Protein backbone atom coordinates (compact mmCIF):
# COMPACT_ATOMS: atom_id res chain seq x y z
CA UNK A 1 -17.64 -10.84 -9.27
CA UNK A 2 -15.88 -7.63 -9.20
CA UNK A 3 -17.15 -4.88 -11.22
CA UNK A 4 -14.95 -3.69 -14.13
CA UNK A 5 -14.60 -0.25 -12.17
CA UNK A 6 -13.33 -2.16 -9.08
CA UNK A 7 -10.83 -4.02 -11.21
CA UNK A 8 -9.65 -0.67 -12.73
CA UNK A 9 -8.93 0.62 -9.38
CA UNK A 10 -6.97 -2.48 -8.27
CA UNK A 11 -4.71 -2.27 -11.44
CA UNK A 12 -4.25 1.23 -10.79
CA UNK A 13 -3.27 0.62 -7.11
CA UNK A 14 -0.81 -2.03 -8.31
CA UNK A 15 0.75 0.31 -10.85
CA UNK A 16 1.04 2.97 -8.35
CA UNK A 17 2.42 0.77 -5.66
CA UNK A 18 5.18 -0.45 -8.00
CA UNK A 19 5.86 3.23 -9.25
CA UNK A 20 6.45 4.28 -5.43
CA UNK A 21 8.72 1.31 -4.86
CA UNK A 22 10.80 1.45 -7.74
CA UNK A 23 10.09 4.56 -9.81
CA UNK A 24 9.61 3.81 -13.46
CA UNK A 25 6.76 4.40 -15.53
CA UNK A 26 3.59 3.57 -13.83
CA UNK A 27 1.58 3.82 -17.03
CA UNK A 28 4.00 1.13 -18.54
CA UNK A 29 3.53 -0.97 -15.24
CA UNK A 30 -0.27 -0.68 -15.75
CA UNK A 31 -0.04 -1.86 -19.21
CA UNK A 32 1.84 -4.91 -18.23
CA UNK A 33 -0.73 -5.68 -15.56
CA UNK A 34 -3.74 -4.86 -17.76
CA UNK A 35 -4.59 -8.17 -19.38
CA UNK A 36 -7.69 -8.24 -17.46
CA UNK A 37 -10.95 -8.17 -19.92
CA UNK A 38 -13.08 -7.26 -16.85
CA UNK A 39 -11.25 -4.09 -16.21
CA UNK A 40 -12.38 -0.69 -17.47
CA UNK A 41 -8.95 0.23 -19.16
CA UNK A 42 -9.71 3.98 -19.68
CA UNK A 43 -10.61 4.29 -15.92
CA UNK A 44 -7.54 2.45 -15.03
CA UNK A 45 -5.38 4.68 -17.07
CA UNK A 46 -6.99 7.85 -16.15
CA UNK A 47 -6.48 7.17 -12.44
CA UNK A 48 -2.78 6.34 -12.84
CA UNK A 49 -2.40 9.46 -15.28
CA UNK A 50 -4.07 11.63 -12.93
CA UNK A 51 -2.27 10.59 -9.72
CA UNK A 52 1.00 11.03 -11.60
CA UNK A 53 0.33 14.40 -12.89
CA UNK A 54 -1.03 15.69 -9.58
CA UNK A 55 0.84 13.90 -7.06
CA UNK A 56 2.24 16.80 -5.16
CA UNK A 57 -1.07 18.55 -5.11
CA UNK A 58 -2.83 15.42 -3.92
CA UNK A 59 -0.35 14.84 -1.22
CA UNK A 60 -0.96 18.57 -0.06
CA UNK A 61 -4.57 17.85 0.11
CA UNK A 62 -4.32 14.61 2.01
CA UNK A 63 -1.60 15.76 4.36
CA UNK A 64 -4.01 17.87 6.67
CA UNK A 65 -6.26 14.96 7.01
CA UNK A 66 -3.62 12.54 8.53
CA UNK A 67 -2.44 11.64 11.97
CA UNK A 68 1.00 11.30 10.99
CA UNK A 69 3.55 12.33 8.15
CA UNK A 70 2.44 11.20 4.68
CA UNK A 71 5.92 9.66 3.96
CA UNK A 72 5.20 7.58 6.93
CA UNK A 73 2.31 5.83 5.40
CA UNK A 74 2.78 2.40 3.77
CA UNK A 75 2.87 2.44 -0.09
CA UNK A 76 -0.36 0.73 -0.20
CA UNK A 77 -2.04 3.35 1.90
CA UNK A 78 -0.31 6.06 -0.05
CA UNK A 79 -1.62 4.71 -3.46
CA UNK A 80 -5.15 3.97 -2.18
CA UNK A 81 -5.22 7.66 -0.69
CA UNK A 82 -3.91 9.08 -3.91
CA UNK A 83 -6.59 7.15 -5.92
CA UNK A 84 -9.36 8.23 -3.70
CA UNK A 85 -8.34 11.95 -3.37
CA UNK A 86 -8.00 12.02 -7.09
CA UNK A 87 -11.35 10.81 -7.72
CA UNK A 88 -12.79 13.07 -5.08
CA UNK A 89 -11.29 15.93 -6.71
CA UNK A 90 -11.59 15.13 -10.42
CA UNK A 91 -14.62 12.84 -10.73
CA UNK A 92 -17.65 14.83 -9.27
CA UNK A 93 -19.88 12.28 -11.19
CA UNK A 94 -18.81 9.68 -8.87
CA UNK A 95 -20.64 10.03 -5.51
CA UNK A 96 -18.04 10.52 -2.55
CA UNK A 97 -19.63 7.42 -0.69
CA UNK A 98 -18.71 5.38 -3.81
CA UNK A 99 -15.10 6.86 -3.78
CA UNK A 100 -14.82 6.20 -0.20
CA UNK A 101 -16.27 2.57 -0.29
CA UNK A 102 -14.15 1.62 -3.23
CA UNK A 103 -10.84 2.80 -1.34
CA UNK A 104 -12.06 0.88 1.83
CA UNK A 105 -12.69 -2.42 -0.44
CA UNK A 106 -9.02 -1.58 -1.60
CA UNK A 107 -7.64 -1.28 1.84
CA UNK A 108 -9.48 -4.56 3.01
CA UNK A 109 -7.95 -6.52 0.14
CA UNK A 110 -4.53 -5.04 -0.10
CA UNK A 111 -3.74 -3.09 3.20
CA UNK A 112 -2.59 -4.23 6.50
CA UNK A 113 -4.94 -4.97 9.29
CA UNK A 114 -7.22 -2.10 10.30
CA UNK A 115 -5.86 0.08 7.19
CA UNK A 116 -9.10 0.20 5.62
CA UNK A 117 -10.51 2.13 8.76
CA UNK A 118 -7.65 4.59 8.45
CA UNK A 119 -8.52 4.93 4.81
CA UNK A 120 -12.11 5.50 5.49
CA UNK A 121 -11.53 8.14 8.10
CA UNK A 122 -8.93 10.29 5.87
CA UNK A 123 -11.15 10.14 2.84
CA UNK A 124 -14.35 11.00 4.97
CA UNK A 125 -12.45 14.40 6.03
CA UNK A 126 -11.24 14.81 2.61
CA UNK A 127 -14.60 14.61 1.01
CA UNK A 128 -15.99 17.06 3.57
CA UNK A 129 -13.37 19.68 2.30
CA UNK A 130 -13.56 18.99 -1.51
CA UNK A 131 -17.52 18.44 -1.62
CA UNK A 132 -19.08 19.89 1.50
CA UNK A 133 -22.29 20.14 -0.25
CA UNK A 134 -22.70 16.49 -1.28
CA UNK A 135 -21.39 15.31 2.15
CA UNK A 136 -23.71 17.75 3.99
CA UNK A 137 -26.83 16.31 2.00
CA UNK A 138 -25.64 12.80 2.80
CA UNK A 139 -25.51 13.48 6.50
CA UNK A 140 -29.00 15.20 6.76
CA UNK A 141 -31.85 13.07 8.16
CA UNK A 142 -34.33 11.84 5.56
């Protein structure tokens, strides 16, 4: 069974995917999707709102970690990276490994073949820049 937080990230991904393809109000799209009692509704809304408010800033953070132009990413990859970058930047209480793992799981479920590996690499690089102390502690031998 999926956790309520994972389900929240899935709903946020779906709303941000629709927003990228058709424009419109992603929060309204989220509310239309949000009939799932197992989702953390506050988290889903915080993710969508945060991405919408900081999309240009998040894109600027993500772009140096890419091997191609941001606009050439699939809408699913962009949405996953937006969510991951937002969480890394704005939710320090969530360990970076959790953020990366959740994004990888979204990539496995919704992305193209091998897309989850791409997402993993980009977010690992981004985490190194946004949370160097946490990443450094994680990589030290026990």
